[in-house]
Amino acid sequence: MKFVIDNNKFIVFLNKKFDLDNKVKLEKNFKDLFYKLKNKYNIEVNGYYNIDVYADKYYGTIIEMEKENLEYYTYFNQIDMEINVFKNNFYYEIDYNFLNKDILNKCLCYKYNDKIYLKIKEDVDEIQLSKLLEVSNVLYGEEGEKINKYGKKVRI
């Protein structure tokens, strides 16, 4: 798990998949996540949150949480949330120096704005995924859709 604070938004990178179809399991997963944020990062999660969950078949889940300033929920120390789930592909922005053939053979390559992006097209083991994550930036959501729409497939 990787945790980033960007402006007023918490971003949690999980290299595991949430069960997004089972509401009871999803609620338990969020309770566990809030507990970890409190214990590991000393972040108290209470109030009303808009939560966007981005799920990728190969990577796992990225969660963006943005708190709304509503006095009622904070006063009673409650958590309420609106969850939006997006199942799409993640893209990995890489450097031209990254030429690991084992990973490249399992990815589609795109060029967009003079940068190279990989999109995983078949299962990769955890070691390969870890190597890719070390040398790349993960793009998803609107940024990923731009690459999908405007990027040109290339061969490396």
N, C-alpha and C. Protein backbone atom coordinates (compact mmCIF):
# COMPACT_ATOMS: atom_id res chain seq x y z
N MET A 1 0.84 -1.17 0.00
CA MET A 1 0.00 0.00 0.00
C MET A 1 0.89 1.24 0.00
N LYS A 2 0.54 2.15 -0.88
CA LYS A 2 1.22 3.44 -0.95
C LYS A 2 0.17 4.52 -0.73
N PHE A 3 0.52 5.54 0.05
CA PHE A 3 -0.43 6.58 0.41
C PHE A 3 0.15 7.94 0.04
N VAL A 4 -0.66 8.77 -0.66
CA VAL A 4 -0.23 10.10 -1.09
C VAL A 4 -1.33 11.10 -0.75
N ILE A 5 -0.91 12.27 -0.29
CA ILE A 5 -1.87 13.37 -0.10
C ILE A 5 -1.61 14.38 -1.20
N ASP A 6 -2.64 14.65 -2.01
CA ASP A 6 -2.54 15.58 -3.12
C ASP A 6 -3.64 16.64 -2.96
N ASN A 7 -3.25 17.85 -2.58
CA ASN A 7 -4.19 18.92 -2.25
C ASN A 7 -5.11 18.45 -1.12
N ASN A 8 -6.38 18.39 -1.36
CA ASN A 8 -7.35 17.97 -0.34
C ASN A 8 -7.79 16.52 -0.57
N LYS A 9 -6.98 15.76 -1.26
CA LYS A 9 -7.37 14.41 -1.68
C LYS A 9 -6.36 13.39 -1.16
N PHE A 10 -6.87 12.29 -0.62
CA PHE A 10 -6.04 11.16 -0.24
C PHE A 10 -6.06 10.17 -1.40
N ILE A 11 -4.88 9.69 -1.80
CA ILE A 11 -4.81 8.68 -2.85
C ILE A 11 -4.12 7.46 -2.27
N VAL A 12 -4.79 6.32 -2.37
CA VAL A 12 -4.27 5.08 -1.83
C VAL A 12 -4.06 4.10 -2.98
N PHE A 13 -2.82 3.67 -3.16
CA PHE A 13 -2.47 2.70 -4.20
C PHE A 13 -2.43 1.32 -3.55
N LEU A 14 -3.33 0.47 -3.94
CA LEU A 14 -3.39 -0.89 -3.40
C LEU A 14 -3.03 -1.88 -4.50
N ASN A 15 -2.06 -2.71 -4.24
CA ASN A 15 -1.69 -3.73 -5.22
C ASN A 15 -2.53 -4.98 -5.01
N LYS A 16 -3.76 -4.79 -4.61
CA LYS A 16 -4.67 -5.92 -4.49
C LYS A 16 -6.03 -5.46 -4.98
N LYS A 17 -6.83 -6.42 -5.28
CA LYS A 17 -8.14 -6.12 -5.83
C LYS A 17 -9.18 -6.10 -4.73
N PHE A 18 -10.03 -5.08 -4.74
CA PHE A 18 -11.20 -5.03 -3.87
C PHE A 18 -12.30 -5.80 -4.56
N ASP A 19 -13.14 -6.48 -3.80
CA ASP A 19 -14.33 -7.10 -4.37
C ASP A 19 -15.37 -5.99 -4.51
N LEU A 20 -15.50 -5.46 -5.72
CA LEU A 20 -16.35 -4.29 -5.96
C LEU A 20 -17.81 -4.65 -6.19
N ASP A 21 -18.10 -5.94 -6.35
CA ASP A 21 -19.46 -6.36 -6.63
C ASP A 21 -20.23 -6.75 -5.37
N ASN A 22 -19.52 -7.08 -4.31
CA ASN A 22 -20.15 -7.51 -3.07
C ASN A 22 -20.12 -6.34 -2.09
N LYS A 23 -21.29 -5.78 -1.80
CA LYS A 23 -21.37 -4.57 -0.97
C LYS A 23 -20.86 -4.81 0.46
N VAL A 24 -21.14 -5.98 1.02
CA VAL A 24 -20.70 -6.29 2.38
C VAL A 24 -19.17 -6.36 2.45
N LYS A 25 -18.55 -7.03 1.47
CA LYS A 25 -17.09 -7.13 1.44
C LYS A 25 -16.45 -5.77 1.17
N LEU A 26 -17.07 -4.98 0.30
CA LEU A 26 -16.55 -3.66 0.00
C LEU A 26 -16.56 -2.78 1.25
N GLU A 27 -17.64 -2.84 2.01
CA GLU A 27 -17.72 -2.07 3.25
C GLU A 27 -16.64 -2.52 4.24
N LYS A 28 -16.43 -3.83 4.36
CA LYS A 28 -15.39 -4.35 5.25
C LYS A 28 -14.00 -3.90 4.78
N ASN A 29 -13.77 -3.93 3.45
CA ASN A 29 -12.48 -3.48 2.92
C ASN A 29 -12.22 -2.02 3.26
N PHE A 30 -13.24 -1.17 3.16
CA PHE A 30 -13.07 0.23 3.50
C PHE A 30 -12.83 0.43 5.00
N LYS A 31 -13.52 -0.33 5.83
CA LYS A 31 -13.27 -0.25 7.27
C LYS A 31 -11.81 -0.62 7.58
N ASP A 32 -11.33 -1.69 6.96
CA ASP A 32 -9.93 -2.10 7.15
C ASP A 32 -8.97 -1.02 6.65
N LEU A 33 -9.28 -0.41 5.51
CA LEU A 33 -8.44 0.65 4.96
C LEU A 33 -8.41 1.85 5.90
N PHE A 34 -9.56 2.27 6.42
CA PHE A 34 -9.61 3.41 7.34
C PHE A 34 -8.82 3.10 8.62
N TYR A 35 -8.89 1.88 9.08
CA TYR A 35 -8.14 1.46 10.27
C TYR A 35 -6.63 1.55 10.01
N LYS A 36 -6.19 1.09 8.83
CA LYS A 36 -4.76 1.15 8.48
C LYS A 36 -4.29 2.60 8.35
N LEU A 37 -5.12 3.45 7.74
CA LEU A 37 -4.75 4.86 7.60
C LEU A 37 -4.59 5.51 8.98
N LYS A 38 -5.45 5.15 9.90
CA LYS A 38 -5.37 5.71 11.24
C LYS A 38 -4.11 5.22 11.96
N ASN A 39 -3.86 3.92 11.90
CA ASN A 39 -2.74 3.35 12.65
C ASN A 39 -1.39 3.60 12.01
N LYS A 40 -1.31 3.53 10.71
CA LYS A 40 -0.02 3.65 10.03
C LYS A 40 0.36 5.10 9.73
N TYR A 41 -0.63 5.93 9.35
CA TYR A 41 -0.34 7.30 8.94
C TYR A 41 -0.92 8.36 9.88
N ASN A 42 -1.58 7.91 10.95
CA ASN A 42 -2.19 8.80 11.93
C ASN A 42 -3.21 9.75 11.28
N ILE A 43 -4.00 9.21 10.36
CA ILE A 43 -5.03 9.98 9.66
C ILE A 43 -6.39 9.51 10.18
N GLU A 44 -7.10 10.41 10.79
CA GLU A 44 -8.43 10.10 11.30
C GLU A 44 -9.42 10.31 10.16
N VAL A 45 -10.12 9.26 9.80
CA VAL A 45 -11.09 9.34 8.71
C VAL A 45 -12.47 9.45 9.33
N ASN A 46 -13.07 10.63 9.21
CA ASN A 46 -14.44 10.83 9.64
C ASN A 46 -15.04 11.95 8.80
N GLY A 47 -16.34 11.96 8.71
CA GLY A 47 -17.01 12.96 7.89
C GLY A 47 -17.56 12.33 6.61
N TYR A 48 -17.80 13.17 5.65
CA TYR A 48 -18.36 12.72 4.37
C TYR A 48 -17.28 12.76 3.30
N TYR A 49 -17.13 11.65 2.57
CA TYR A 49 -16.10 11.54 1.53
C TYR A 49 -16.72 11.17 0.19
N ASN A 50 -16.20 11.81 -0.85
CA ASN A 50 -16.44 11.36 -2.22
C ASN A 50 -15.27 10.44 -2.54
N ILE A 51 -15.58 9.21 -2.89
CA ILE A 51 -14.54 8.21 -3.12
C ILE A 51 -14.65 7.68 -4.54
N ASP A 52 -13.56 7.78 -5.28
CA ASP A 52 -13.47 7.19 -6.61
C ASP A 52 -12.54 5.99 -6.52
N VAL A 53 -13.05 4.85 -6.95
CA VAL A 53 -12.28 3.61 -6.93
C VAL A 53 -11.96 3.24 -8.37
N TYR A 54 -10.67 3.16 -8.69
CA TYR A 54 -10.22 2.78 -10.02
C TYR A 54 -9.66 1.36 -9.93
N ALA A 55 -10.21 0.47 -10.72
CA ALA A 55 -9.80 -0.92 -10.65
C ALA A 55 -9.22 -1.36 -11.99
N ASP A 56 -8.10 -2.05 -11.91
CA ASP A 56 -7.44 -2.59 -13.09
C ASP A 56 -7.24 -4.08 -12.86
N LYS A 57 -7.47 -4.84 -13.89
CA LYS A 57 -7.38 -6.29 -13.83
C LYS A 57 -5.99 -6.77 -13.40
N TYR A 58 -4.95 -6.07 -13.80
CA TYR A 58 -3.59 -6.53 -13.55
C TYR A 58 -2.93 -5.86 -12.35
N TYR A 59 -3.23 -4.60 -12.11
CA TYR A 59 -2.57 -3.85 -11.04
C TYR A 59 -3.26 -4.06 -9.70
N GLY A 60 -4.54 -3.82 -9.68
CA GLY A 60 -5.29 -3.83 -8.43
C GLY A 60 -6.20 -2.63 -8.38
N THR A 61 -6.11 -1.86 -7.30
CA THR A 61 -7.06 -0.78 -7.06
C THR A 61 -6.33 0.49 -6.62
N ILE A 62 -6.82 1.61 -7.12
CA ILE A 62 -6.38 2.92 -6.65
C ILE A 62 -7.62 3.65 -6.17
N ILE A 63 -7.52 4.21 -4.96
CA ILE A 63 -8.66 4.86 -4.34
C ILE A 63 -8.32 6.34 -4.11
N GLU A 64 -9.19 7.20 -4.61
CA GLU A 64 -9.06 8.64 -4.36
C GLU A 64 -10.20 9.05 -3.42
N MET A 65 -9.83 9.64 -2.29
CA MET A 65 -10.81 10.04 -1.29
C MET A 65 -10.71 11.55 -1.08
N GLU A 66 -11.83 12.24 -1.26
CA GLU A 66 -11.85 13.69 -1.05
C GLU A 66 -12.93 14.01 -0.01
N LYS A 67 -12.53 14.67 1.04
CA LYS A 67 -13.45 14.98 2.13
C LYS A 67 -14.26 16.23 1.81
N GLU A 68 -15.56 16.13 2.06
CA GLU A 68 -16.46 17.27 1.96
C GLU A 68 -16.58 17.89 3.35
N ASN A 69 -16.62 19.19 3.42
CA ASN A 69 -16.71 19.88 4.70
C ASN A 69 -18.18 20.03 5.12
N LEU A 70 -18.68 19.00 5.78
CA LEU A 70 -20.04 19.02 6.31
C LEU A 70 -19.94 18.85 7.83
N GLU A 71 -20.37 19.82 8.58
CA GLU A 71 -20.23 19.83 10.04
C GLU A 71 -20.92 18.66 10.73
N TYR A 72 -22.08 18.26 10.26
CA TYR A 72 -22.88 17.24 10.93
C TYR A 72 -22.10 15.95 11.15
N TYR A 73 -21.46 15.44 10.10
CA TYR A 73 -20.78 14.16 10.21
C TYR A 73 -19.54 14.23 11.09
N THR A 74 -18.80 15.30 11.01
CA THR A 74 -17.62 15.46 11.84
C THR A 74 -18.02 15.59 13.31
N TYR A 75 -19.09 16.30 13.56
CA TYR A 75 -19.54 16.52 14.93
C TYR A 75 -19.86 15.20 15.62
N PHE A 76 -20.52 14.30 14.94
CA PHE A 76 -20.91 13.02 15.53
C PHE A 76 -19.87 11.92 15.27
N ASN A 77 -18.73 12.28 14.71
CA ASN A 77 -17.63 11.35 14.47
C ASN A 77 -18.07 10.14 13.63
N GLN A 78 -18.82 10.41 12.58
CA GLN A 78 -19.32 9.37 11.71
C GLN A 78 -18.60 9.41 10.37
N ILE A 79 -18.70 8.32 9.63
CA ILE A 79 -18.16 8.26 8.28
C ILE A 79 -19.31 7.96 7.34
N ASP A 80 -19.39 8.76 6.29
CA ASP A 80 -20.36 8.51 5.23
C ASP A 80 -19.63 8.76 3.93
N MET A 81 -20.05 8.07 2.88
CA MET A 81 -19.31 8.19 1.63
C MET A 81 -20.19 7.92 0.43
N GLU A 82 -19.79 8.55 -0.66
CA GLU A 82 -20.35 8.23 -1.97
C GLU A 82 -19.23 7.57 -2.75
N ILE A 83 -19.47 6.35 -3.22
CA ILE A 83 -18.43 5.59 -3.90
C ILE A 83 -18.78 5.48 -5.38
N ASN A 84 -17.80 5.85 -6.22
CA ASN A 84 -17.91 5.68 -7.66
C ASN A 84 -16.84 4.69 -8.09
N VAL A 85 -17.24 3.68 -8.84
CA VAL A 85 -16.31 2.64 -9.26
C VAL A 85 -16.07 2.75 -10.76
N PHE A 86 -14.78 2.77 -11.13
CA PHE A 86 -14.39 2.82 -12.53
C PHE A 86 -13.50 1.63 -12.82
N LYS A 87 -13.94 0.79 -13.73
CA LYS A 87 -13.11 -0.35 -14.12
C LYS A 87 -12.51 -0.01 -15.47
N ASN A 88 -11.21 0.29 -15.45
CA ASN A 88 -10.54 0.63 -16.70
C ASN A 88 -9.09 0.19 -16.64
N ASN A 89 -8.37 0.49 -17.68
CA ASN A 89 -6.97 0.10 -17.75
C ASN A 89 -6.07 1.17 -17.17
N PHE A 90 -4.98 0.72 -16.57
CA PHE A 90 -3.96 1.63 -16.09
C PHE A 90 -2.83 1.67 -17.11
N TYR A 91 -2.19 2.80 -17.21
CA TYR A 91 -1.06 2.99 -18.10
C TYR A 91 0.17 3.34 -17.27
N TYR A 92 1.31 2.89 -17.72
CA TYR A 92 2.56 3.08 -16.99
C TYR A 92 3.49 3.92 -17.84
N GLU A 93 3.76 5.15 -17.39
CA GLU A 93 4.67 6.04 -18.10
C GLU A 93 6.09 5.59 -17.80
N ILE A 94 6.82 5.25 -18.87
CA ILE A 94 8.18 4.75 -18.67
C ILE A 94 9.18 5.65 -19.38
N ASP A 95 10.42 5.48 -19.03
CA ASP A 95 11.55 6.17 -19.63
C ASP A 95 12.00 5.35 -20.85
N TYR A 96 12.58 6.00 -21.82
CA TYR A 96 13.07 5.29 -22.99
C TYR A 96 14.15 4.27 -22.63
N ASN A 97 14.81 4.44 -21.50
CA ASN A 97 15.87 3.52 -21.09
C ASN A 97 15.33 2.19 -20.56
N PHE A 98 14.05 2.14 -20.27
CA PHE A 98 13.45 0.93 -19.73
C PHE A 98 13.11 -0.03 -20.87
N LEU A 99 13.88 -1.05 -21.01
CA LEU A 99 13.65 -2.02 -22.09
C LEU A 99 13.72 -3.45 -21.57
N ASN A 100 12.94 -3.76 -20.56
CA ASN A 100 12.87 -5.11 -20.03
C ASN A 100 11.95 -5.92 -20.94
N LYS A 101 12.54 -6.81 -21.72
CA LYS A 101 11.77 -7.55 -22.74
C LYS A 101 10.70 -8.44 -22.14
N ASP A 102 10.93 -8.99 -20.93
CA ASP A 102 9.92 -9.84 -20.30
C ASP A 102 8.62 -9.07 -20.08
N ILE A 103 8.74 -7.84 -19.65
CA ILE A 103 7.55 -7.02 -19.40
C ILE A 103 7.01 -6.45 -20.71
N LEU A 104 7.90 -5.97 -21.56
CA LEU A 104 7.46 -5.38 -22.82
C LEU A 104 6.66 -6.38 -23.67
N ASN A 105 7.00 -7.65 -23.59
CA ASN A 105 6.27 -8.67 -24.36
C ASN A 105 4.84 -8.85 -23.86
N LYS A 106 4.56 -8.42 -22.65
CA LYS A 106 3.23 -8.59 -22.07
C LYS A 106 2.44 -7.28 -22.06
N CYS A 107 2.94 -6.29 -22.79
CA CYS A 107 2.31 -4.96 -22.78
C CYS A 107 2.09 -4.45 -24.19
N LEU A 108 1.15 -3.54 -24.31
CA LEU A 108 1.00 -2.73 -25.50
C LEU A 108 1.71 -1.42 -25.22
N CYS A 109 2.39 -0.87 -26.22
CA CYS A 109 3.13 0.38 -26.05
C CYS A 109 2.41 1.50 -26.79
N TYR A 110 2.30 2.63 -26.13
CA TYR A 110 1.67 3.81 -26.72
C TYR A 110 2.63 4.98 -26.61
N LYS A 111 2.55 5.88 -27.58
CA LYS A 111 3.29 7.13 -27.53
C LYS A 111 2.27 8.25 -27.51
N TYR A 112 2.44 9.15 -26.54
CA TYR A 112 1.53 10.28 -26.39
C TYR A 112 2.32 11.43 -25.78
N ASN A 113 2.29 12.59 -26.43
CA ASN A 113 3.03 13.77 -25.97
C ASN A 113 4.51 13.47 -25.74
N ASP A 114 5.12 12.78 -26.67
CA ASP A 114 6.55 12.43 -26.63
C ASP A 114 6.95 11.58 -25.42
N LYS A 115 6.01 10.85 -24.88
CA LYS A 115 6.30 9.93 -23.78
C LYS A 115 5.79 8.55 -24.16
N ILE A 116 6.39 7.54 -23.55
CA ILE A 116 6.00 6.15 -23.82
C ILE A 116 5.19 5.62 -22.63
N TYR A 117 4.10 4.95 -22.93
CA TYR A 117 3.23 4.37 -21.92
C TYR A 117 3.02 2.90 -22.24
N LEU A 118 2.97 2.09 -21.20
CA LEU A 118 2.68 0.67 -21.36
C LEU A 118 1.30 0.39 -20.80
N LYS A 119 0.59 -0.51 -21.46
CA LYS A 119 -0.68 -1.02 -20.96
C LYS A 119 -0.55 -2.53 -20.92
N ILE A 120 -0.67 -3.11 -19.75
CA ILE A 120 -0.51 -4.56 -19.60
C ILE A 120 -1.65 -5.27 -20.32
N LYS A 121 -1.28 -6.28 -21.11
CA LYS A 121 -2.31 -7.00 -21.88
C LYS A 121 -2.47 -8.46 -21.44
N GLU A 122 -1.57 -8.97 -20.60
CA GLU A 122 -1.70 -10.32 -20.08
C GLU A 122 -1.09 -10.38 -18.68
N ASP A 123 -1.37 -11.46 -17.98
CA ASP A 123 -0.90 -11.58 -16.60
C ASP A 123 0.61 -11.43 -16.49
N VAL A 124 1.02 -10.66 -15.48
CA VAL A 124 2.44 -10.53 -15.15
C VAL A 124 2.58 -10.96 -13.69
N ASP A 125 3.72 -11.55 -13.37
CA ASP A 125 3.90 -11.96 -11.99
C ASP A 125 4.23 -10.74 -11.13
N GLU A 126 4.21 -10.94 -9.82
CA GLU A 126 4.42 -9.82 -8.89
C GLU A 126 5.79 -9.19 -9.04
N ILE A 127 6.80 -9.97 -9.34
CA ILE A 127 8.15 -9.44 -9.49
C ILE A 127 8.22 -8.53 -10.71
N GLN A 128 7.66 -8.96 -11.82
CA GLN A 128 7.65 -8.12 -13.02
C GLN A 128 6.87 -6.84 -12.78
N LEU A 129 5.71 -6.96 -12.13
CA LEU A 129 4.91 -5.77 -11.85
C LEU A 129 5.67 -4.82 -10.92
N SER A 130 6.35 -5.35 -9.94
CA SER A 130 7.15 -4.52 -9.03
C SER A 130 8.26 -3.79 -9.77
N LYS A 131 8.93 -4.48 -10.70
CA LYS A 131 9.98 -3.84 -11.49
C LYS A 131 9.40 -2.71 -12.34
N LEU A 132 8.23 -2.96 -12.90
CA LEU A 132 7.58 -1.93 -13.71
C LEU A 132 7.19 -0.73 -12.84
N LEU A 133 6.65 -0.98 -11.67
CA LEU A 133 6.23 0.11 -10.78
C LEU A 133 7.40 0.95 -10.29
N GLU A 134 8.57 0.32 -10.16
CA GLU A 134 9.77 1.05 -9.71
C GLU A 134 10.21 2.12 -10.71
N VAL A 135 10.00 1.86 -11.98
CA VAL A 135 10.52 2.76 -13.02
C VAL A 135 9.42 3.52 -13.76
N SER A 136 8.22 3.51 -13.24
CA SER A 136 7.13 4.15 -13.98
C SER A 136 6.23 4.96 -13.06
N ASN A 137 5.39 5.75 -13.68
CA ASN A 137 4.29 6.45 -13.00
C ASN A 137 3.00 5.83 -13.51
N VAL A 138 2.09 5.53 -12.60
CA VAL A 138 0.83 4.93 -12.98
C VAL A 138 -0.16 6.03 -13.32
N LEU A 139 -0.79 5.90 -14.49
CA LEU A 139 -1.84 6.85 -14.91
C LEU A 139 -3.14 6.08 -15.05
N TYR A 140 -4.22 6.71 -14.65
CA TYR A 140 -5.53 6.06 -14.64
C TYR A 140 -6.59 7.15 -14.77
N GLY A 141 -7.82 6.78 -14.83
CA GLY A 141 -8.91 7.76 -14.90
C GLY A 141 -8.85 8.59 -16.16
N GLU A 142 -9.02 9.90 -16.02
CA GLU A 142 -9.05 10.80 -17.18
C GLU A 142 -7.73 10.79 -17.94
N GLU A 143 -6.61 10.77 -17.21
CA GLU A 143 -5.30 10.74 -17.88
C GLU A 143 -5.13 9.46 -18.69
N GLY A 144 -5.55 8.34 -18.13
CA GLY A 144 -5.48 7.07 -18.86
C GLY A 144 -6.37 7.07 -20.09
N GLU A 145 -7.54 7.69 -19.97
CA GLU A 145 -8.44 7.76 -21.12
C GLU A 145 -7.87 8.61 -22.25
N LYS A 146 -7.13 9.65 -21.90
CA LYS A 146 -6.47 10.47 -22.93
C LYS A 146 -5.46 9.64 -23.71
N ILE A 147 -4.69 8.83 -23.00
CA ILE A 147 -3.69 7.98 -23.66
C ILE A 147 -4.39 6.96 -24.54
N ASN A 148 -5.47 6.38 -24.04
CA ASN A 148 -6.23 5.40 -24.81
C ASN A 148 -6.82 6.02 -26.07
N LYS A 149 -7.31 7.25 -25.96
CA LYS A 149 -7.98 7.91 -27.08
C LYS A 149 -7.00 8.53 -28.07
N TYR A 150 -5.96 9.21 -27.57
CA TYR A 150 -5.09 9.97 -28.45
C TYR A 150 -3.70 9.35 -28.67
N GLY A 151 -3.35 8.38 -27.86
CA GLY A 151 -2.03 7.76 -28.00
C GLY A 151 -1.94 6.88 -29.25
N LYS A 152 -0.76 6.80 -29.79
CA LYS A 152 -0.50 5.96 -30.96
C LYS A 152 0.22 4.69 -30.51
N LYS A 153 -0.27 3.55 -30.97
CA LYS A 153 0.43 2.30 -30.65
C LYS A 153 1.76 2.29 -31.38
N VAL A 154 2.79 1.90 -30.65
CA VAL A 154 4.13 1.82 -31.21
C VAL A 154 4.77 0.49 -30.81
N ARG A 155 5.82 0.13 -31.52
CA ARG A 155 6.60 -1.07 -31.18
C ARG A 155 7.95 -0.63 -30.67
N ILE A 156 8.38 -1.25 -29.61
CA ILE A 156 9.70 -0.94 -29.08
C ILE A 156 10.60 -2.14 -29.26
